[in-house]
N, C-alpha and C. Protein backbone atom coordinates (compact mmCIF):
# COMPACT_ATOMS: atom_id res chain seq x y z
N MET A 1 -41.06 37.44 -113.71
CA MET A 1 -42.35 36.79 -113.82
C MET A 1 -42.33 35.51 -112.99
N SER A 2 -43.40 35.30 -112.22
CA SER A 2 -43.46 34.13 -111.36
C SER A 2 -44.68 33.28 -111.72
N VAL A 3 -44.49 31.98 -111.74
CA VAL A 3 -45.55 31.04 -112.06
C VAL A 3 -46.00 30.38 -110.76
N SER A 4 -47.29 30.38 -110.51
CA SER A 4 -47.80 29.75 -109.29
C SER A 4 -47.74 28.23 -109.44
N ALA A 5 -47.66 27.55 -108.30
CA ALA A 5 -47.63 26.08 -108.31
C ALA A 5 -48.92 25.54 -108.93
N ARG A 6 -50.05 26.23 -108.66
CA ARG A 6 -51.34 25.79 -109.22
C ARG A 6 -51.34 25.88 -110.74
N ASP A 7 -50.85 27.00 -111.27
CA ASP A 7 -50.81 27.16 -112.73
C ASP A 7 -49.81 26.21 -113.37
N TYR A 8 -48.68 26.00 -112.71
CA TYR A 8 -47.67 25.06 -113.21
C TYR A 8 -48.26 23.66 -113.33
N ARG A 9 -48.92 23.20 -112.25
CA ARG A 9 -49.56 21.88 -112.27
C ARG A 9 -50.66 21.81 -113.33
N GLY A 10 -51.45 22.88 -113.45
CA GLY A 10 -52.53 22.91 -114.43
C GLY A 10 -52.04 22.78 -115.85
N ALA A 11 -50.96 23.48 -116.16
CA ALA A 11 -50.40 23.41 -117.52
C ALA A 11 -49.81 22.04 -117.79
N LEU A 12 -49.01 21.52 -116.87
CA LEU A 12 -48.33 20.25 -117.11
C LEU A 12 -49.22 19.03 -116.94
N ALA A 13 -50.43 19.21 -116.42
CA ALA A 13 -51.39 18.11 -116.37
C ALA A 13 -51.80 17.69 -117.78
N ASN A 14 -51.53 18.54 -118.76
CA ASN A 14 -51.84 18.24 -120.15
C ASN A 14 -50.76 17.43 -120.84
N LEU A 15 -49.70 17.11 -120.14
CA LEU A 15 -48.64 16.28 -120.67
C LEU A 15 -48.89 14.84 -120.23
N ALA A 16 -49.32 14.00 -121.16
CA ALA A 16 -49.57 12.60 -120.83
C ALA A 16 -48.25 11.89 -120.58
N GLY A 17 -48.22 11.04 -119.58
CA GLY A 17 -47.01 10.30 -119.27
C GLY A 17 -47.30 8.83 -119.05
N GLY A 18 -46.38 7.99 -119.50
CA GLY A 18 -46.48 6.56 -119.22
C GLY A 18 -46.29 6.32 -117.74
N VAL A 19 -47.01 5.36 -117.19
CA VAL A 19 -46.93 5.08 -115.76
C VAL A 19 -45.93 3.95 -115.52
N VAL A 20 -44.99 4.23 -114.63
CA VAL A 20 -43.88 3.32 -114.34
C VAL A 20 -43.77 3.14 -112.84
N ILE A 21 -43.47 1.92 -112.41
CA ILE A 21 -43.14 1.68 -111.00
C ILE A 21 -41.61 1.59 -110.92
N VAL A 22 -41.02 2.52 -110.17
CA VAL A 22 -39.58 2.52 -109.94
C VAL A 22 -39.34 1.68 -108.69
N THR A 23 -38.50 0.64 -108.82
CA THR A 23 -38.24 -0.25 -107.68
C THR A 23 -36.75 -0.32 -107.38
N THR A 24 -36.46 -0.65 -106.14
CA THR A 24 -35.08 -0.83 -105.69
C THR A 24 -35.14 -1.63 -104.38
N SER A 25 -33.99 -1.86 -103.77
CA SER A 25 -33.92 -2.49 -102.45
C SER A 25 -33.19 -1.55 -101.52
N ASP A 26 -33.64 -1.50 -100.28
CA ASP A 26 -32.99 -0.62 -99.32
C ASP A 26 -31.77 -1.28 -98.69
N TRP A 27 -31.16 -0.63 -97.71
CA TRP A 27 -29.93 -1.11 -97.06
C TRP A 27 -30.14 -2.41 -96.31
N ARG A 28 -31.41 -2.78 -96.02
CA ARG A 28 -31.70 -4.05 -95.34
C ARG A 28 -32.11 -5.13 -96.33
N GLY A 29 -32.09 -4.80 -97.63
CA GLY A 29 -32.51 -5.75 -98.65
C GLY A 29 -34.01 -5.80 -98.84
N GLN A 30 -34.74 -4.86 -98.22
CA GLN A 30 -36.20 -4.80 -98.35
C GLN A 30 -36.58 -4.06 -99.63
N PRO A 31 -37.61 -4.55 -100.33
CA PRO A 31 -38.01 -3.88 -101.58
C PRO A 31 -38.67 -2.53 -101.31
N ARG A 32 -38.40 -1.59 -102.16
CA ARG A 32 -39.00 -0.26 -102.11
C ARG A 32 -39.47 0.07 -103.51
N GLY A 33 -40.52 0.89 -103.60
CA GLY A 33 -41.00 1.26 -104.92
C GLY A 33 -41.96 2.42 -104.86
N MET A 34 -42.12 3.06 -106.00
CA MET A 34 -43.00 4.22 -106.13
C MET A 34 -43.50 4.34 -107.56
N THR A 35 -44.65 4.96 -107.72
CA THR A 35 -45.20 5.24 -109.04
C THR A 35 -44.57 6.52 -109.56
N ALA A 36 -44.22 6.52 -110.85
CA ALA A 36 -43.62 7.71 -111.46
C ALA A 36 -44.10 7.87 -112.89
N THR A 37 -44.14 9.11 -113.33
CA THR A 37 -44.38 9.41 -114.75
C THR A 37 -43.24 10.23 -115.33
N ALA A 38 -42.40 10.79 -114.47
CA ALA A 38 -41.25 11.58 -114.94
C ALA A 38 -40.08 10.63 -115.18
N VAL A 39 -40.22 9.84 -116.24
CA VAL A 39 -39.26 8.80 -116.61
C VAL A 39 -39.11 8.85 -118.12
N CYS A 40 -37.89 8.72 -118.63
CA CYS A 40 -37.74 8.66 -120.09
C CYS A 40 -36.38 8.10 -120.49
N SER A 41 -36.30 7.79 -121.77
CA SER A 41 -35.04 7.35 -122.36
C SER A 41 -34.14 8.57 -122.53
N VAL A 42 -32.86 8.40 -122.27
CA VAL A 42 -31.90 9.49 -122.41
C VAL A 42 -30.99 9.24 -123.62
N SER A 43 -30.53 8.00 -123.77
CA SER A 43 -29.55 7.68 -124.80
C SER A 43 -29.66 6.21 -125.18
N ILE A 44 -29.41 5.93 -126.44
CA ILE A 44 -29.37 4.53 -126.89
C ILE A 44 -27.95 3.98 -126.75
N GLU A 45 -26.96 4.80 -127.04
CA GLU A 45 -25.56 4.36 -126.96
C GLU A 45 -24.76 5.37 -126.15
N PRO A 46 -24.45 5.12 -124.91
CA PRO A 46 -24.82 3.92 -124.15
C PRO A 46 -26.30 3.98 -123.75
N PRO A 47 -26.89 2.84 -123.39
CA PRO A 47 -28.30 2.83 -123.00
C PRO A 47 -28.49 3.48 -121.63
N LEU A 48 -29.14 4.64 -121.63
CA LEU A 48 -29.38 5.40 -120.40
C LEU A 48 -30.85 5.78 -120.31
N VAL A 49 -31.38 5.76 -119.09
CA VAL A 49 -32.72 6.24 -118.80
C VAL A 49 -32.63 7.19 -117.62
N MET A 50 -33.71 7.94 -117.39
CA MET A 50 -33.75 8.81 -116.22
C MET A 50 -35.08 8.66 -115.50
N ALA A 51 -35.02 8.83 -114.21
CA ALA A 51 -36.22 8.82 -113.37
C ALA A 51 -36.08 9.94 -112.36
N CYS A 52 -37.12 10.74 -112.24
CA CYS A 52 -37.13 11.83 -111.26
C CYS A 52 -37.83 11.34 -110.00
N VAL A 53 -37.14 11.46 -108.86
CA VAL A 53 -37.64 10.92 -107.60
C VAL A 53 -37.63 12.01 -106.55
N HIS A 54 -38.78 12.21 -105.89
CA HIS A 54 -38.89 13.22 -104.84
C HIS A 54 -37.93 12.88 -103.70
N ARG A 55 -37.25 13.88 -103.18
CA ARG A 55 -36.22 13.65 -102.16
C ARG A 55 -36.76 13.09 -100.85
N GLU A 56 -38.04 13.29 -100.56
CA GLU A 56 -38.59 12.79 -99.30
C GLU A 56 -39.14 11.37 -99.42
N ALA A 57 -39.11 10.80 -100.61
CA ALA A 57 -39.63 9.44 -100.80
C ALA A 57 -38.66 8.40 -100.23
N ALA A 58 -39.21 7.35 -99.62
CA ALA A 58 -38.37 6.26 -99.12
C ALA A 58 -37.59 5.62 -100.26
N THR A 59 -38.17 5.60 -101.44
CA THR A 59 -37.48 5.04 -102.60
C THR A 59 -36.24 5.87 -102.94
N HIS A 60 -36.30 7.18 -102.73
CA HIS A 60 -35.13 8.05 -102.98
C HIS A 60 -33.95 7.62 -102.11
N ARG A 61 -34.21 7.45 -100.83
CA ARG A 61 -33.14 7.04 -99.91
C ARG A 61 -32.58 5.68 -100.29
N ALA A 62 -33.47 4.77 -100.69
CA ALA A 62 -33.04 3.41 -101.04
C ALA A 62 -32.19 3.42 -102.31
N ILE A 63 -32.57 4.19 -103.32
CA ILE A 63 -31.76 4.29 -104.55
C ILE A 63 -30.41 4.91 -104.22
N GLY A 64 -30.42 5.92 -103.37
CA GLY A 64 -29.16 6.55 -102.97
C GLY A 64 -28.21 5.56 -102.33
N HIS A 65 -28.76 4.61 -101.59
CA HIS A 65 -27.92 3.60 -100.94
C HIS A 65 -27.51 2.49 -101.91
N SER A 66 -28.48 1.94 -102.64
CA SER A 66 -28.20 0.77 -103.50
C SER A 66 -27.50 1.15 -104.80
N ARG A 67 -27.71 2.40 -105.22
CA ARG A 67 -27.15 2.90 -106.49
C ARG A 67 -27.67 2.07 -107.67
N ALA A 68 -28.89 1.54 -107.53
CA ALA A 68 -29.51 0.74 -108.58
C ALA A 68 -31.02 0.90 -108.50
N PHE A 69 -31.69 0.73 -109.64
CA PHE A 69 -33.15 0.75 -109.67
C PHE A 69 -33.63 0.03 -110.92
N ALA A 70 -34.93 -0.30 -110.91
CA ALA A 70 -35.57 -0.89 -112.08
C ALA A 70 -36.78 -0.05 -112.44
N LEU A 71 -37.02 0.08 -113.73
CA LEU A 71 -38.24 0.71 -114.23
C LEU A 71 -39.16 -0.41 -114.68
N ASN A 72 -40.37 -0.45 -114.14
CA ASN A 72 -41.38 -1.44 -114.49
C ASN A 72 -42.51 -0.71 -115.21
N LEU A 73 -42.63 -0.89 -116.52
CA LEU A 73 -43.61 -0.18 -117.33
C LEU A 73 -44.94 -0.91 -117.26
N LEU A 74 -45.98 -0.16 -116.89
CA LEU A 74 -47.28 -0.78 -116.63
C LEU A 74 -48.19 -0.79 -117.85
N PRO A 75 -48.90 -1.90 -118.03
CA PRO A 75 -49.92 -1.97 -119.08
C PRO A 75 -51.23 -1.34 -118.59
N ALA A 76 -52.11 -1.01 -119.54
CA ALA A 76 -53.44 -0.53 -119.19
C ALA A 76 -54.09 -1.54 -118.25
N ARG A 77 -55.05 -1.11 -117.51
CA ARG A 77 -55.75 -1.94 -116.52
C ARG A 77 -54.87 -2.29 -115.31
N SER A 78 -53.82 -1.49 -115.09
CA SER A 78 -52.96 -1.68 -113.91
C SER A 78 -53.11 -0.52 -112.94
N GLU A 79 -54.25 0.15 -113.00
CA GLU A 79 -54.46 1.32 -112.16
C GLU A 79 -54.34 0.99 -110.67
N ASP A 80 -54.84 -0.17 -110.26
CA ASP A 80 -54.73 -0.56 -108.84
C ASP A 80 -53.27 -0.64 -108.40
N LEU A 81 -52.43 -1.20 -109.26
CA LEU A 81 -51.01 -1.31 -108.96
C LEU A 81 -50.36 0.08 -108.89
N ALA A 82 -50.71 0.94 -109.83
CA ALA A 82 -50.17 2.31 -109.83
C ALA A 82 -50.59 3.05 -108.57
N ARG A 83 -51.84 2.91 -108.18
CA ARG A 83 -52.32 3.58 -106.95
C ARG A 83 -51.64 3.02 -105.71
N ARG A 84 -51.43 1.71 -105.68
CA ARG A 84 -50.76 1.08 -104.54
C ARG A 84 -49.38 1.69 -104.34
N PHE A 85 -48.61 1.83 -105.42
CA PHE A 85 -47.25 2.34 -105.30
C PHE A 85 -47.18 3.86 -105.19
N ALA A 86 -48.29 4.54 -105.48
CA ALA A 86 -48.35 6.00 -105.29
C ALA A 86 -48.71 6.35 -103.85
N SER A 87 -49.15 5.35 -103.08
CA SER A 87 -49.57 5.59 -101.70
C SER A 87 -48.38 5.53 -100.75
N SER A 88 -48.66 5.89 -99.50
CA SER A 88 -47.62 5.80 -98.46
C SER A 88 -47.69 4.46 -97.74
N ARG A 89 -48.48 3.56 -98.27
CA ARG A 89 -48.64 2.21 -97.71
C ARG A 89 -47.27 1.55 -97.51
N ARG A 90 -47.09 0.87 -96.41
CA ARG A 90 -45.81 0.23 -96.11
C ARG A 90 -45.61 -1.07 -96.89
N ALA A 91 -46.62 -1.89 -96.97
CA ALA A 91 -46.48 -3.23 -97.56
C ALA A 91 -46.89 -3.22 -99.03
N LYS A 92 -46.22 -2.43 -99.83
CA LYS A 92 -46.57 -2.28 -101.24
C LYS A 92 -46.37 -3.56 -102.04
N PHE A 93 -45.46 -4.40 -101.62
CA PHE A 93 -45.13 -5.61 -102.38
C PHE A 93 -45.91 -6.85 -101.93
N ASP A 94 -46.68 -6.73 -100.85
CA ASP A 94 -47.41 -7.88 -100.32
C ASP A 94 -48.35 -8.46 -101.38
N GLY A 95 -48.24 -9.76 -101.60
CA GLY A 95 -49.12 -10.46 -102.53
C GLY A 95 -48.76 -10.31 -104.00
N LEU A 96 -47.69 -9.60 -104.31
CA LEU A 96 -47.28 -9.41 -105.70
C LEU A 96 -46.23 -10.43 -106.10
N ARG A 97 -46.29 -10.88 -107.34
CA ARG A 97 -45.24 -11.75 -107.86
C ARG A 97 -44.10 -10.86 -108.37
N THR A 98 -42.91 -11.14 -107.85
CA THR A 98 -41.73 -10.39 -108.27
C THR A 98 -40.56 -11.35 -108.47
N GLU A 99 -39.58 -10.88 -109.20
CA GLU A 99 -38.28 -11.55 -109.30
C GLU A 99 -37.24 -10.54 -108.86
N THR A 100 -36.13 -11.02 -108.38
CA THR A 100 -35.04 -10.12 -108.02
C THR A 100 -34.11 -10.03 -109.22
N GLY A 101 -33.90 -8.82 -109.70
CA GLY A 101 -33.02 -8.62 -110.84
C GLY A 101 -31.56 -8.72 -110.43
N GLU A 102 -30.69 -8.66 -111.43
CA GLU A 102 -29.26 -8.77 -111.14
C GLU A 102 -28.74 -7.61 -110.31
N THR A 103 -29.44 -6.48 -110.31
CA THR A 103 -29.04 -5.33 -109.50
C THR A 103 -29.58 -5.41 -108.07
N GLY A 104 -30.46 -6.40 -107.82
CA GLY A 104 -31.11 -6.50 -106.52
C GLY A 104 -32.47 -5.82 -106.49
N ALA A 105 -32.81 -5.11 -107.56
CA ALA A 105 -34.10 -4.42 -107.62
C ALA A 105 -35.21 -5.43 -107.96
N PRO A 106 -36.37 -5.28 -107.34
CA PRO A 106 -37.49 -6.15 -107.67
C PRO A 106 -38.04 -5.85 -109.07
N ILE A 107 -38.38 -6.90 -109.80
CA ILE A 107 -39.01 -6.79 -111.11
C ILE A 107 -40.44 -7.30 -110.94
N LEU A 108 -41.42 -6.50 -111.32
CA LEU A 108 -42.82 -6.86 -111.16
C LEU A 108 -43.27 -7.77 -112.29
N ALA A 109 -43.86 -8.91 -111.94
CA ALA A 109 -44.32 -9.87 -112.95
C ALA A 109 -45.39 -9.28 -113.85
N ASP A 110 -46.17 -8.33 -113.36
CA ASP A 110 -47.26 -7.74 -114.15
C ASP A 110 -46.80 -6.62 -115.08
N ALA A 111 -45.54 -6.24 -115.02
CA ALA A 111 -45.05 -5.18 -115.92
C ALA A 111 -44.97 -5.71 -117.34
N MET A 112 -45.23 -4.85 -118.33
CA MET A 112 -45.13 -5.29 -119.72
C MET A 112 -43.70 -5.13 -120.25
N ALA A 113 -42.89 -4.40 -119.50
CA ALA A 113 -41.46 -4.27 -119.83
C ALA A 113 -40.74 -3.78 -118.58
N HIS A 114 -39.44 -4.04 -118.53
CA HIS A 114 -38.64 -3.52 -117.42
C HIS A 114 -37.22 -3.22 -117.91
N CYS A 115 -36.58 -2.31 -117.19
CA CYS A 115 -35.15 -1.98 -117.40
C CYS A 115 -34.49 -2.00 -116.04
N GLU A 116 -33.40 -2.75 -115.91
CA GLU A 116 -32.60 -2.73 -114.68
C GLU A 116 -31.42 -1.80 -114.90
N CYS A 117 -31.18 -0.94 -113.92
CA CYS A 117 -30.19 0.12 -114.10
C CYS A 117 -29.27 0.28 -112.90
N LYS A 118 -28.05 0.68 -113.18
CA LYS A 118 -27.11 1.14 -112.16
C LYS A 118 -27.04 2.65 -112.28
N VAL A 119 -27.08 3.35 -111.15
CA VAL A 119 -27.04 4.81 -111.18
C VAL A 119 -25.69 5.25 -111.73
N GLU A 120 -25.75 6.01 -112.80
CA GLU A 120 -24.56 6.57 -113.40
C GLU A 120 -24.33 8.00 -112.90
N ARG A 121 -25.46 8.68 -112.63
CA ARG A 121 -25.35 10.07 -112.19
C ARG A 121 -26.62 10.46 -111.45
N ALA A 122 -26.49 11.29 -110.44
CA ALA A 122 -27.62 11.84 -109.70
C ALA A 122 -27.52 13.36 -109.78
N VAL A 123 -28.58 14.00 -110.24
CA VAL A 123 -28.59 15.44 -110.44
C VAL A 123 -29.67 16.06 -109.55
N ASP A 124 -29.28 17.00 -108.68
CA ASP A 124 -30.26 17.72 -107.87
C ASP A 124 -31.08 18.62 -108.77
N ALA A 125 -32.41 18.57 -108.59
CA ALA A 125 -33.32 19.39 -109.39
C ALA A 125 -34.52 19.77 -108.54
N GLY A 126 -34.46 20.92 -107.91
CA GLY A 126 -35.55 21.36 -107.05
C GLY A 126 -35.77 20.39 -105.91
N ASP A 127 -37.01 19.92 -105.75
CA ASP A 127 -37.32 18.99 -104.66
C ASP A 127 -37.16 17.53 -105.08
N HIS A 128 -36.58 17.30 -106.25
CA HIS A 128 -36.36 15.95 -106.78
C HIS A 128 -34.87 15.72 -107.06
N THR A 129 -34.54 14.45 -107.26
CA THR A 129 -33.24 14.07 -107.81
C THR A 129 -33.52 13.36 -109.12
N ILE A 130 -32.79 13.74 -110.14
CA ILE A 130 -32.88 13.04 -111.42
C ILE A 130 -31.81 11.95 -111.39
N TYR A 131 -32.27 10.71 -111.35
CA TYR A 131 -31.34 9.59 -111.38
C TYR A 131 -31.18 9.14 -112.83
N ILE A 132 -29.97 9.21 -113.32
CA ILE A 132 -29.67 8.72 -114.66
C ILE A 132 -29.03 7.35 -114.48
N GLY A 133 -29.68 6.35 -115.08
CA GLY A 133 -29.22 4.98 -114.90
C GLY A 133 -28.76 4.35 -116.20
N ARG A 134 -27.66 3.60 -116.11
CA ARG A 134 -27.19 2.80 -117.24
C ARG A 134 -27.98 1.50 -117.24
N VAL A 135 -28.63 1.22 -118.35
CA VAL A 135 -29.46 0.03 -118.45
C VAL A 135 -28.57 -1.19 -118.64
N LEU A 136 -28.68 -2.14 -117.70
CA LEU A 136 -27.86 -3.35 -117.72
C LEU A 136 -28.61 -4.55 -118.27
N GLU A 137 -29.94 -4.54 -118.11
CA GLU A 137 -30.77 -5.67 -118.49
C GLU A 137 -32.16 -5.16 -118.81
N VAL A 138 -32.80 -5.76 -119.80
CA VAL A 138 -34.18 -5.42 -120.12
C VAL A 138 -34.99 -6.70 -120.31
N GLY A 139 -36.28 -6.56 -120.20
CA GLY A 139 -37.22 -7.63 -120.50
C GLY A 139 -38.49 -7.00 -120.98
N TYR A 140 -39.17 -7.65 -121.93
CA TYR A 140 -40.43 -7.11 -122.43
C TYR A 140 -41.21 -8.21 -123.11
N GLU A 141 -42.51 -7.97 -123.24
CA GLU A 141 -43.39 -8.92 -123.88
C GLU A 141 -43.13 -8.93 -125.38
N LYS A 142 -42.84 -10.07 -125.91
CA LYS A 142 -42.58 -10.19 -127.34
C LYS A 142 -43.83 -10.78 -128.00
N GLY A 143 -44.31 -10.12 -129.03
CA GLY A 143 -45.45 -10.64 -129.78
C GLY A 143 -46.80 -10.20 -129.24
N GLU A 144 -46.89 -9.92 -127.96
CA GLU A 144 -48.18 -9.51 -127.39
C GLU A 144 -48.22 -7.99 -127.36
N GLU A 145 -49.32 -7.42 -127.80
CA GLU A 145 -49.46 -5.97 -127.77
C GLU A 145 -50.53 -5.59 -126.77
N ARG A 146 -50.11 -4.96 -125.68
CA ARG A 146 -51.04 -4.42 -124.71
C ARG A 146 -50.81 -2.92 -124.67
N PRO A 147 -51.87 -2.12 -124.62
CA PRO A 147 -51.68 -0.68 -124.53
C PRO A 147 -51.10 -0.31 -123.16
N PRO A 148 -50.37 0.81 -123.10
CA PRO A 148 -49.78 1.24 -121.82
C PRO A 148 -50.79 1.95 -120.94
N LEU A 149 -50.49 2.00 -119.65
CA LEU A 149 -51.23 2.83 -118.71
C LEU A 149 -50.64 4.23 -118.80
N LEU A 150 -51.49 5.23 -118.92
CA LEU A 150 -51.05 6.62 -119.00
C LEU A 150 -51.63 7.42 -117.84
N TYR A 151 -50.98 8.54 -117.54
CA TYR A 151 -51.50 9.48 -116.56
C TYR A 151 -51.69 10.80 -117.28
N PHE A 152 -52.92 11.34 -117.22
CA PHE A 152 -53.25 12.56 -117.96
C PHE A 152 -54.33 13.33 -117.21
N ARG A 153 -54.10 14.60 -116.97
CA ARG A 153 -55.06 15.49 -116.30
C ARG A 153 -55.58 14.91 -114.99
N GLY A 154 -54.65 14.36 -114.20
CA GLY A 154 -54.99 13.89 -112.87
C GLY A 154 -55.65 12.53 -112.79
N GLY A 155 -55.67 11.79 -113.91
CA GLY A 155 -56.29 10.47 -113.88
C GLY A 155 -55.57 9.47 -114.75
N TYR A 156 -55.83 8.20 -114.50
CA TYR A 156 -55.23 7.13 -115.28
C TYR A 156 -56.05 6.91 -116.54
N ARG A 157 -55.36 6.72 -117.66
CA ARG A 157 -56.01 6.55 -118.96
C ARG A 157 -55.29 5.45 -119.74
N SER A 158 -55.87 5.15 -120.90
CA SER A 158 -55.27 4.19 -121.81
C SER A 158 -55.44 4.69 -123.23
N ILE A 159 -54.65 4.17 -124.12
CA ILE A 159 -54.81 4.48 -125.53
C ILE A 159 -55.98 3.64 -126.05
N ALA A 160 -56.91 4.29 -126.69
CA ALA A 160 -58.07 3.54 -127.23
C ALA A 160 -57.60 2.60 -128.33
N PRO A 161 -58.20 1.38 -128.39
CA PRO A 161 -57.78 0.43 -129.43
C PRO A 161 -58.18 0.90 -130.83
């Protein structure tokens, strides 16, 4: 039995995912980043996360070189930021406030949480690589509750208050 790419996408469009900007630095120290929804927690002890990255993405090559990445979890009303990093635009970081994490990965000031990771394992999976990262540092908003930005059925959404 074979599943068409159209049917596969149609079925999985019903899986809501949190929107995350995966960031890293390339071999020249330049920031790289991409929008992702195929990201999740793997383990609490040790703290591990995973991010699936398309092999043709510039961010893929940069993570392969730096062996580090950061997950920047986006709050609702960050659709412009998500679209910026989902594009092939070269200057994705222009005009954004960032800090450089201990791994060298950029941390976005507008993220409601972040995890800095060192690649522990890279697993080939079809046209993607699953990067499993050991979380070395985290940051998140304490006390403030903002709903997350979600991706569902081909569009950006939020949890209703």
